[in-house]
Amino acid sequence: MNRGYAQAETAEAPGRSGAAGSAGSNDVADPREAPAISVVEVITGIHRVALGGTTVGYVQFTGDRFVSLLGGVYNTSVEVAQTLTLDTAVRRLLLA
């Protein structure tokens, strides 16, 4: 009787640990597969932010702050944040 219980217990243990181990390794993204983020100043004070080859939006410097504008076309983009640094403005745009 004890022998049957021990076999059932050992038969379940590898399945649980193996499944958890494989699921955990799939949760981590490979940074080599992530699209590149590019920030290019297209006009003085206006930066285009692209993810891969697609324009996400623009960051406009207004003198004392950076304004994040979401949209692929500058004229129709919508303000989503105002920050004090370009780096933060780009992050806020990518999270919008």
PDB file of N, CA and C in Angstrom:
ATOM      1  N   MET A   1       0.817  -1.189   0.000  1.00  0.00           N
ATOM      2  CA  MET A   1       0.000   0.000   0.000  1.00  0.00           C
ATOM      3  C   MET A   1       0.862   1.255   0.000  1.00  0.00           C
ATOM      4  N   ASN A   2       1.871   1.291   0.803  1.00  0.00           N
ATOM      5  CA  ASN A   2       2.774   2.432   0.807  1.00  0.00           C
ATOM      6  C   ASN A   2       3.513   2.562  -0.516  1.00  0.00           C
ATOM      7  N   ARG A   3       3.805   1.423  -1.125  1.00  0.00           N
ATOM      8  CA  ARG A   3       4.531   1.431  -2.380  1.00  0.00           C
ATOM      9  C   ARG A   3       3.702   2.104  -3.487  1.00  0.00           C
ATOM     10  N   GLY A   4       2.407   1.818  -3.584  1.00  0.00           N
ATOM     11  CA  GLY A   4       1.532   2.441  -4.579  1.00  0.00           C
ATOM     12  C   GLY A   4       1.410   3.939  -4.376  1.00  0.00           C
ATOM     13  N   TYR A   5       1.359   4.363  -3.132  1.00  0.00           N
ATOM     14  CA  TYR A   5       1.264   5.793  -2.823  1.00  0.00           C
ATOM     15  C   TYR A   5       2.539   6.508  -3.247  1.00  0.00           C
ATOM     16  N   ALA A   6       3.690   5.895  -3.021  1.00  0.00           N
ATOM     17  CA  ALA A   6       4.965   6.505  -3.385  1.00  0.00           C
ATOM     18  C   ALA A   6       5.088   6.630  -4.900  1.00  0.00           C
ATOM     19  N   GLN A   7       4.616   5.621  -5.647  1.00  0.00           N
ATOM     20  CA  GLN A   7       4.698   5.684  -7.101  1.00  0.00           C
ATOM     21  C   GLN A   7       3.814   6.789  -7.653  1.00  0.00           C
ATOM     22  N   ALA A   8       2.614   6.946  -7.130  1.00  0.00           N
ATOM     23  CA  ALA A   8       1.714   7.992  -7.598  1.00  0.00           C
ATOM     24  C   ALA A   8       2.302   9.362  -7.309  1.00  0.00           C
ATOM     25  N   GLU A   9       2.928   9.501  -6.155  1.00  0.00           N
ATOM     26  CA  GLU A   9       3.513  10.775  -5.777  1.00  0.00           C
ATOM     27  C   GLU A   9       4.676  11.129  -6.690  1.00  0.00           C
ATOM     28  N   THR A  10       5.546  10.179  -6.995  1.00  0.00           N
ATOM     29  CA  THR A  10       6.688  10.460  -7.856  1.00  0.00           C
ATOM     30  C   THR A  10       6.255  10.650  -9.298  1.00  0.00           C
ATOM     31  N   ALA A  11       5.169  10.038  -9.713  1.00  0.00           N
ATOM     32  CA  ALA A  11       4.697  10.212 -11.084  1.00  0.00           C
ATOM     33  C   ALA A  11       4.152  11.620 -11.298  1.00  0.00           C
ATOM     34  N   GLU A  12       3.544  12.207 -10.270  1.00  0.00           N
ATOM     35  CA  GLU A  12       3.002  13.556 -10.405  1.00  0.00           C
ATOM     36  C   GLU A  12       4.076  14.625 -10.301  1.00  0.00           C
ATOM     37  N   ALA A  13       5.088  14.403  -9.488  1.00  0.00           N
ATOM     38  CA  ALA A  13       6.086  15.429  -9.218  1.00  0.00           C
ATOM     39  C   ALA A  13       6.808  15.912 -10.466  1.00  0.00           C
ATOM     40  N   PRO A  14       7.314  15.046 -11.358  1.00  0.00           N
ATOM     41  CA  PRO A  14       7.995  15.568 -12.538  1.00  0.00           C
ATOM     42  C   PRO A  14       7.058  16.353 -13.458  1.00  0.00           C
ATOM     43  N   GLY A  15       5.824  15.954 -13.558  1.00  0.00           N
ATOM     44  CA  GLY A  15       4.881  16.668 -14.415  1.00  0.00           C
ATOM     45  C   GLY A  15       4.649  18.086 -13.929  1.00  0.00           C
ATOM     46  N   ARG A  16       4.532  18.245 -12.630  1.00  0.00           N
ATOM     47  CA  ARG A  16       4.303  19.584 -12.075  1.00  0.00           C
ATOM     48  C   ARG A  16       5.535  20.445 -12.212  1.00  0.00           C
ATOM     49  N   SER A  17       6.692  19.925 -11.850  1.00  0.00           N
ATOM     50  CA  SER A  17       7.897  20.745 -11.914  1.00  0.00           C
ATOM     51  C   SER A  17       8.291  21.000 -13.365  1.00  0.00           C
ATOM     52  N   GLY A  18       8.084  20.042 -14.246  1.00  0.00           N
ATOM     53  CA  GLY A  18       8.420  20.239 -15.652  1.00  0.00           C
ATOM     54  C   GLY A  18       7.531  21.276 -16.296  1.00  0.00           C
ATOM     55  N   ALA A  19       6.244  21.257 -15.985  1.00  0.00           N
ATOM     56  CA  ALA A  19       5.320  22.229 -16.569  1.00  0.00           C
ATOM     57  C   ALA A  19       5.613  23.620 -16.055  1.00  0.00           C
ATOM     58  N   ALA A  20       5.903  23.738 -14.774  1.00  0.00           N
ATOM     59  CA  ALA A  20       6.192  25.054 -14.204  1.00  0.00           C
ATOM     60  C   ALA A  20       7.493  25.591 -14.778  1.00  0.00           C
ATOM     61  N   GLY A  21       8.482  24.738 -14.958  1.00  0.00           N
ATOM     62  CA  GLY A  21       9.762  25.185 -15.497  1.00  0.00           C
ATOM     63  C   GLY A  21       9.631  25.658 -16.935  1.00  0.00           C
ATOM     64  N   SER A  22       8.845  24.956 -17.739  1.00  0.00           N
ATOM     65  CA  SER A  22       8.709  25.364 -19.136  1.00  0.00           C
ATOM     66  C   SER A  22       7.856  26.612 -19.269  1.00  0.00           C
ATOM     67  N   ALA A  23       6.849  26.770 -18.430  1.00  0.00           N
ATOM     68  CA  ALA A  23       6.011  27.972 -18.490  1.00  0.00           C
ATOM     69  C   ALA A  23       6.807  29.184 -18.060  1.00  0.00           C
ATOM     70  N   GLY A  24       7.668  29.027 -17.059  1.00  0.00           N
ATOM     71  CA  GLY A  24       8.470  30.141 -16.576  1.00  0.00           C
ATOM     72  C   GLY A  24       9.448  30.634 -17.632  1.00  0.00           C
ATOM     73  N   SER A  25      10.031  29.734 -18.419  1.00  0.00           N
ATOM     74  CA  SER A  25      10.996  30.156 -19.428  1.00  0.00           C
ATOM     75  C   SER A  25      10.312  30.869 -20.592  1.00  0.00           C
ATOM     76  N   ASN A  26       9.036  30.602 -20.848  1.00  0.00           N
ATOM     77  CA  ASN A  26       8.313  31.277 -21.928  1.00  0.00           C
ATOM     78  C   ASN A  26       7.836  32.668 -21.538  1.00  0.00           C
ATOM     79  N   ASP A  27       7.808  32.964 -20.231  1.00  0.00           N
ATOM     80  CA  ASP A  27       7.330  34.259 -19.768  1.00  0.00           C
ATOM     81  C   ASP A  27       8.326  35.375 -20.029  1.00  0.00           C
ATOM     82  N   VAL A  28       9.593  35.054 -20.244  1.00  0.00           N
ATOM     83  CA  VAL A  28      10.634  36.060 -20.418  1.00  0.00           C
ATOM     84  C   VAL A  28      10.788  36.364 -21.899  1.00  0.00           C
ATOM     85  N   ALA A  29      10.667  37.640 -22.249  1.00  0.00           N
ATOM     86  CA  ALA A  29      10.792  38.057 -23.652  1.00  0.00           C
ATOM     87  C   ALA A  29      12.266  38.122 -24.042  1.00  0.00           C
ATOM     88  N   ASP A  30      12.543  37.767 -25.255  1.00  0.00           N
ATOM     89  CA  ASP A  30      13.898  37.846 -25.785  1.00  0.00           C
ATOM     90  C   ASP A  30      14.115  39.255 -26.327  1.00  0.00           C
ATOM     91  N   PRO A  31      15.051  40.035 -25.752  1.00  0.00           N
ATOM     92  CA  PRO A  31      15.240  41.421 -26.195  1.00  0.00           C
ATOM     93  C   PRO A  31      15.679  41.534 -27.652  1.00  0.00           C
ATOM     94  N   ARG A  32      16.251  40.485 -28.214  1.00  0.00           N
ATOM     95  CA  ARG A  32      16.652  40.527 -29.623  1.00  0.00           C
ATOM     96  C   ARG A  32      15.449  40.520 -30.554  1.00  0.00           C
ATOM     97  N   GLU A  33      14.283  40.049 -30.055  1.00  0.00           N
ATOM     98  CA  GLU A  33      13.077  39.997 -30.874  1.00  0.00           C
ATOM     99  C   GLU A  33      12.208  41.240 -30.716  1.00  0.00           C
ATOM    100  N   ALA A  34      12.540  42.127 -29.774  1.00  0.00           N
ATOM    101  CA  ALA A  34      11.756  43.339 -29.545  1.00  0.00           C
ATOM    102  C   ALA A  34      12.048  44.356 -30.648  1.00  0.00           C
ATOM    103  N   PRO A  35      11.019  45.073 -31.125  1.00  0.00           N
ATOM    104  CA  PRO A  35      11.253  46.086 -32.150  1.00  0.00           C
ATOM    105  C   PRO A  35      12.067  47.250 -31.591  1.00  0.00           C
ATOM    106  N   ALA A  36      12.888  47.828 -32.432  1.00  0.00           N
ATOM    107  CA  ALA A  36      13.751  48.936 -32.013  1.00  0.00           C
ATOM    108  C   ALA A  36      12.938  50.216 -31.863  1.00  0.00           C
ATOM    109  N   ILE A  37      13.305  51.007 -30.867  1.00  0.00           N
ATOM    110  CA  ILE A  37      12.691  52.314 -30.654  1.00  0.00           C
ATOM    111  C   ILE A  37      13.650  53.354 -31.225  1.00  0.00           C
ATOM    112  N   SER A  38      13.136  54.213 -32.092  1.00  0.00           N
ATOM    113  CA  SER A  38      13.985  55.282 -32.624  1.00  0.00           C
ATOM    114  C   SER A  38      13.348  56.632 -32.349  1.00  0.00           C
ATOM    115  N   VAL A  39      14.195  57.597 -31.989  1.00  0.00           N
ATOM    116  CA  VAL A  39      13.765  58.969 -31.735  1.00  0.00           C
ATOM    117  C   VAL A  39      14.639  59.853 -32.605  1.00  0.00           C
ATOM    118  N   VAL A  40      14.000  60.546 -33.568  1.00  0.00           N
ATOM    119  CA  VAL A  40      14.726  61.367 -34.525  1.00  0.00           C
ATOM    120  C   VAL A  40      14.132  62.769 -34.532  1.00  0.00           C
ATOM    121  N   GLU A  41      14.999  63.779 -34.445  1.00  0.00           N
ATOM    122  CA  GLU A  41      14.519  65.151 -34.520  1.00  0.00           C
ATOM    123  C   GLU A  41      14.279  65.477 -35.993  1.00  0.00           C
ATOM    124  N   VAL A  42      13.014  65.642 -36.384  1.00  0.00           N
ATOM    125  CA  VAL A  42      12.661  65.868 -37.784  1.00  0.00           C
ATOM    126  C   VAL A  42      12.627  67.356 -38.131  1.00  0.00           C
ATOM    127  N   ILE A  43      12.234  68.165 -37.185  1.00  0.00           N
ATOM    128  CA  ILE A  43      12.246  69.620 -37.307  1.00  0.00           C
ATOM    129  C   ILE A  43      12.751  70.125 -35.959  1.00  0.00           C
ATOM    130  N   THR A  44      13.354  71.279 -35.921  1.00  0.00           N
ATOM    131  CA  THR A  44      13.856  71.811 -34.663  1.00  0.00           C
ATOM    132  C   THR A  44      12.753  71.798 -33.601  1.00  0.00           C
ATOM    133  N   GLY A  45      12.987  71.052 -32.524  1.00  0.00           N
ATOM    134  CA  GLY A  45      12.043  70.983 -31.417  1.00  0.00           C
ATOM    135  C   GLY A  45      10.979  69.916 -31.542  1.00  0.00           C
ATOM    136  N   ILE A  46      10.955  69.174 -32.654  1.00  0.00           N
ATOM    137  CA  ILE A  46       9.957  68.109 -32.835  1.00  0.00           C
ATOM    138  C   ILE A  46      10.669  66.797 -33.147  1.00  0.00           C
ATOM    139  N   HIS A  47      10.433  65.791 -32.298  1.00  0.00           N
ATOM    140  CA  HIS A  47      11.043  64.470 -32.451  1.00  0.00           C
ATOM    141  C   HIS A  47       9.983  63.461 -32.857  1.00  0.00           C
ATOM    142  N   ARG A  48      10.303  62.637 -33.854  1.00  0.00           N
ATOM    143  CA  ARG A  48       9.409  61.541 -34.254  1.00  0.00           C
ATOM    144  C   ARG A  48       9.842  60.291 -33.489  1.00  0.00           C
ATOM    145  N   VAL A  49       8.885  59.589 -32.894  1.00  0.00           N
ATOM    146  CA  VAL A  49       9.147  58.358 -32.141  1.00  0.00           C
ATOM    147  C   VAL A  49       8.565  57.197 -32.934  1.00  0.00           C
ATOM    148  N   ALA A  50       9.420  56.227 -33.265  1.00  0.00           N
ATOM    149  CA  ALA A  50       8.979  55.064 -34.035  1.00  0.00           C
ATOM    150  C   ALA A  50       9.316  53.793 -33.283  1.00  0.00           C
ATOM    151  N   LEU A  51       8.459  52.814 -33.412  1.00  0.00           N
ATOM    152  CA  LEU A  51       8.654  51.488 -32.829  1.00  0.00           C
ATOM    153  C   LEU A  51       8.734  50.525 -34.006  1.00  0.00           C
ATOM    154  N   GLY A  52       9.930  49.988 -34.224  1.00  0.00           N
ATOM    155  CA  GLY A  52      10.154  49.214 -35.440  1.00  0.00           C
ATOM    156  C   GLY A  52      10.177  50.196 -36.602  1.00  0.00           C
ATOM    157  N   GLY A  53       9.333  50.009 -37.587  1.00  0.00           N
ATOM    158  CA  GLY A  53       9.244  50.926 -38.711  1.00  0.00           C
ATOM    159  C   GLY A  53       7.996  51.790 -38.662  1.00  0.00           C
ATOM    160  N   THR A  54       7.218  51.702 -37.586  1.00  0.00           N
ATOM    161  CA  THR A  54       5.943  52.397 -37.502  1.00  0.00           C
ATOM    162  C   THR A  54       6.043  53.604 -36.571  1.00  0.00           C
ATOM    163  N   THR A  55       5.595  54.760 -37.049  1.00  0.00           N
ATOM    164  CA  THR A  55       5.587  55.960 -36.220  1.00  0.00           C
ATOM    165  C   THR A  55       4.500  55.845 -35.164  1.00  0.00           C
ATOM    166  N   VAL A  56       4.906  56.008 -33.896  1.00  0.00           N
ATOM    167  CA  VAL A  56       3.966  55.949 -32.777  1.00  0.00           C
ATOM    168  C   VAL A  56       3.434  57.343 -32.485  1.00  0.00           C
ATOM    169  N   GLY A  57       4.304  58.327 -32.575  1.00  0.00           N
ATOM    170  CA  GLY A  57       3.899  59.694 -32.282  1.00  0.00           C
ATOM    171  C   GLY A  57       5.064  60.643 -32.337  1.00  0.00           C
ATOM    172  N   TYR A  58       4.884  61.796 -31.704  1.00  0.00           N
ATOM    173  CA  TYR A  58       5.874  62.862 -31.746  1.00  0.00           C
ATOM    174  C   TYR A  58       6.048  63.442 -30.355  1.00  0.00           C
ATOM    175  N   VAL A  59       7.216  64.029 -30.123  1.00  0.00           N
ATOM    176  CA  VAL A  59       7.472  64.767 -28.890  1.00  0.00           C
ATOM    177  C   VAL A  59       7.890  66.165 -29.301  1.00  0.00           C
ATOM    178  N   GLN A  60       7.173  67.161 -28.813  1.00  0.00           N
ATOM    179  CA  GLN A  60       7.436  68.555 -29.155  1.00  0.00           C
ATOM    180  C   GLN A  60       8.009  69.264 -27.934  1.00  0.00           C
ATOM    181  N   PHE A  61       9.129  69.981 -28.127  1.00  0.00           N
ATOM    182  CA  PHE A  61       9.723  70.760 -27.040  1.00  0.00           C
ATOM    183  C   PHE A  61       9.126  72.158 -27.097  1.00  0.00           C
ATOM    184  N   THR A  62       8.510  72.588 -26.004  1.00  0.00           N
ATOM    185  CA  THR A  62       7.788  73.867 -26.001  1.00  0.00           C
ATOM    186  C   THR A  62       8.491  74.954 -25.197  1.00  0.00           C
ATOM    187  N   GLY A  63       9.748  74.783 -24.887  1.00  0.00           N
ATOM    188  CA  GLY A  63      10.485  75.794 -24.145  1.00  0.00           C
ATOM    189  C   GLY A  63      10.832  75.355 -22.739  1.00  0.00           C
ATOM    190  N   ASP A  64       9.847  74.911 -21.976  1.00  0.00           N
ATOM    191  CA  ASP A  64      10.121  74.450 -20.622  1.00  0.00           C
ATOM    192  C   ASP A  64       9.661  73.023 -20.371  1.00  0.00           C
ATOM    193  N   ARG A  65       9.021  72.397 -21.345  1.00  0.00           N
ATOM    194  CA  ARG A  65       8.563  71.016 -21.188  1.00  0.00           C
ATOM    195  C   ARG A  65       8.464  70.314 -22.530  1.00  0.00           C
ATOM    196  N   PHE A  66       8.337  68.992 -22.461  1.00  0.00           N
ATOM    197  CA  PHE A  66       8.177  68.152 -23.641  1.00  0.00           C
ATOM    198  C   PHE A  66       6.742  67.648 -23.674  1.00  0.00           C
ATOM    199  N   VAL A  67       6.088  67.791 -24.821  1.00  0.00           N
ATOM    200  CA  VAL A  67       4.694  67.377 -24.986  1.00  0.00           C
ATOM    201  C   VAL A  67       4.679  66.124 -25.855  1.00  0.00           C
ATOM    202  N   SER A  68       4.109  65.040 -25.327  1.00  0.00           N
ATOM    203  CA  SER A  68       3.989  63.776 -26.064  1.00  0.00           C
ATOM    204  C   SER A  68       2.701  63.792 -26.871  1.00  0.00           C
ATOM    205  N   LEU A  69       2.819  63.534 -28.170  1.00  0.00           N
ATOM    206  CA  LEU A  69       1.676  63.552 -29.086  1.00  0.00           C
ATOM    207  C   LEU A  69       1.531  62.175 -29.720  1.00  0.00           C
ATOM    208  N   LEU A  70       0.411  61.520 -29.506  1.00  0.00           N
ATOM    209  CA  LEU A  70       0.159  60.170 -30.007  1.00  0.00           C
ATOM    210  C   LEU A  70      -0.514  60.224 -31.368  1.00  0.00           C
ATOM    211  N   GLY A  71       0.080  59.540 -32.343  1.00  0.00           N
ATOM    212  CA  GLY A  71      -0.502  59.474 -33.684  1.00  0.00           C
ATOM    213  C   GLY A  71       0.567  59.406 -34.741  1.00  0.00           C
ATOM    214  N   GLY A  72       0.242  58.797 -35.856  1.00  0.00           N
ATOM    215  CA  GLY A  72       1.202  58.623 -36.942  1.00  0.00           C
ATOM    216  C   GLY A  72       1.418  59.861 -37.787  1.00  0.00           C
ATOM    217  N   VAL A  73       0.462  60.791 -37.763  1.00  0.00           N
ATOM    218  CA  VAL A  73       0.565  62.037 -38.543  1.00  0.00           C
ATOM    219  C   VAL A  73       0.608  63.192 -37.551  1.00  0.00           C
ATOM    220  N   TYR A  74       1.618  64.038 -37.664  1.00  0.00           N
ATOM    221  CA  TYR A  74       1.815  65.113 -36.691  1.00  0.00           C
ATOM    222  C   TYR A  74       0.596  66.030 -36.580  1.00  0.00           C
ATOM    223  N   ASN A  75       0.013  66.420 -37.706  1.00  0.00           N
ATOM    224  CA  ASN A  75      -1.117  67.367 -37.704  1.00  0.00           C
ATOM    225  C   ASN A  75      -2.353  66.837 -36.989  1.00  0.00           C
ATOM    226  N   THR A  76      -2.506  65.530 -36.920  1.00  0.00           N
ATOM    227  CA  THR A  76      -3.708  64.955 -36.299  1.00  0.00           C
ATOM    228  C   THR A  76      -3.404  64.205 -35.000  1.00  0.00           C
ATOM    229  N   SER A  77      -2.160  64.306 -34.514  1.00  0.00           N
ATOM    230  CA  SER A  77      -1.803  63.598 -33.280  1.00  0.00           C
ATOM    231  C   SER A  77      -2.433  64.278 -32.067  1.00  0.00           C
ATOM    232  N   VAL A  78      -2.587  63.507 -30.984  1.00  0.00           N
ATOM    233  CA  VAL A  78      -3.302  63.954 -29.790  1.00  0.00           C
ATOM    234  C   VAL A  78      -2.346  63.964 -28.599  1.00  0.00           C
ATOM    235  N   GLU A  79      -2.401  65.023 -27.813  1.00  0.00           N
ATOM    236  CA  GLU A  79      -1.545  65.140 -26.636  1.00  0.00           C
ATOM    237  C   GLU A  79      -1.915  64.097 -25.585  1.00  0.00           C
ATOM    238  N   VAL A  80      -0.885  63.388 -25.077  1.00  0.00           N
ATOM    239  CA  VAL A  80      -1.121  62.387 -24.041  1.00  0.00           C
ATOM    240  C   VAL A  80      -0.336  62.669 -22.764  1.00  0.00           C
ATOM    241  N   ALA A  81       0.670  63.539 -22.823  1.00  0.00           N
ATOM    242  CA  ALA A  81       1.454  63.829 -21.611  1.00  0.00           C
ATOM    243  C   ALA A  81       2.303  65.074 -21.808  1.00  0.00           C
ATOM    244  N   GLN A  82       2.666  65.688 -20.669  1.00  0.00           N
ATOM    245  CA  GLN A  82       3.646  66.769 -20.630  1.00  0.00           C
ATOM    246  C   GLN A  82       4.666  66.395 -19.565  1.00  0.00           C
ATOM    247  N   THR A  83       5.958  66.439 -19.934  1.00  0.00           N
ATOM    248  CA  THR A  83       7.013  66.033 -19.005  1.00  0.00           C
ATOM    249  C   THR A  83       8.165  67.027 -19.060  1.00  0.00           C
ATOM    250  N   LEU A  84       9.143  66.836 -18.177  1.00  0.00           N
ATOM    251  CA  LEU A  84      10.293  67.735 -18.117  1.00  0.00           C
ATOM    252  C   LEU A  84      11.506  67.216 -18.876  1.00  0.00           C
ATOM    253  N   THR A  85      11.499  65.938 -19.290  1.00  0.00           N
ATOM    254  CA  THR A  85      12.626  65.379 -20.032  1.00  0.00           C
ATOM    255  C   THR A  85      12.140  64.648 -21.284  1.00  0.00           C
ATOM    256  N   LEU A  86      13.001  64.605 -22.281  1.00  0.00           N
ATOM    257  CA  LEU A  86      12.670  63.905 -23.530  1.00  0.00           C
ATOM    258  C   LEU A  86      12.503  62.409 -23.278  1.00  0.00           C
ATOM    259  N   ASP A  87      13.367  61.835 -22.462  1.00  0.00           N
ATOM    260  CA  ASP A  87      13.302  60.406 -22.166  1.00  0.00           C
ATOM    261  C   ASP A  87      11.948  60.021 -21.558  1.00  0.00           C
ATOM    262  N   THR A  88      11.492  60.794 -20.604  1.00  0.00           N
ATOM    263  CA  THR A  88      10.202  60.512 -19.966  1.00  0.00           C
ATOM    264  C   THR A  88       9.057  60.714 -20.948  1.00  0.00           C
ATOM    265  N   ALA A  89       9.162  61.727 -21.797  1.00  0.00           N
ATOM    266  CA  ALA A  89       8.124  61.976 -22.793  1.00  0.00           C
ATOM    267  C   ALA A  89       7.999  60.804 -23.767  1.00  0.00           C
ATOM    268  N   VAL A  90       9.129  60.238 -24.172  1.00  0.00           N
ATOM    269  CA  VAL A  90       9.113  59.071 -25.070  1.00  0.00           C
ATOM    270  C   VAL A  90       8.496  57.872 -24.365  1.00  0.00           C
ATOM    271  N   ARG A  91       8.850  57.641 -23.108  1.00  0.00           N
ATOM    272  CA  ARG A  91       8.281  56.524 -22.357  1.00  0.00           C
ATOM    273  C   ARG A  91       6.757  56.661 -22.218  1.00  0.00           C
ATOM    274  N   ARG A  92       6.309  57.848 -21.889  1.00  0.00           N
ATOM    275  CA  ARG A  92       4.867  58.075 -21.722  1.00  0.00           C
ATOM    276  C   ARG A  92       4.121  57.856 -23.046  1.00  0.00           C
ATOM    277  N   LEU A  93       4.752  58.251 -24.148  1.00  0.00           N
ATOM    278  CA  LEU A  93       4.157  58.058 -25.472  1.00  0.00           C
ATOM    279  C   LEU A  93       4.049  56.570 -25.791  1.00  0.00           C
ATOM    280  N   LEU A  94       5.075  55.805 -25.483  1.00  0.00           N
ATOM    281  CA  LEU A  94       5.040  54.369 -25.772  1.00  0.00           C
ATOM    282  C   LEU A  94       4.066  53.614 -24.874  1.00  0.00           C
ATOM    283  N   LEU A  95       3.775  54.152 -23.703  1.00  0.00           N
ATOM    284  CA  LEU A  95       2.835  53.500 -22.796  1.00  0.00           C
ATOM    285  C   LEU A  95       1.383  53.913 -23.060  1.00  0.00           C
ATOM    286  N   ALA A  96       1.186  54.961 -23.851  1.00  0.00           N
ATOM    287  CA  ALA A  96      -0.181  55.457 -24.113  1.00  0.00           C
ATOM    288  C   ALA A  96      -0.949  54.526 -25.022  1.00  0.00           C
TER     289      ALA A  96
END
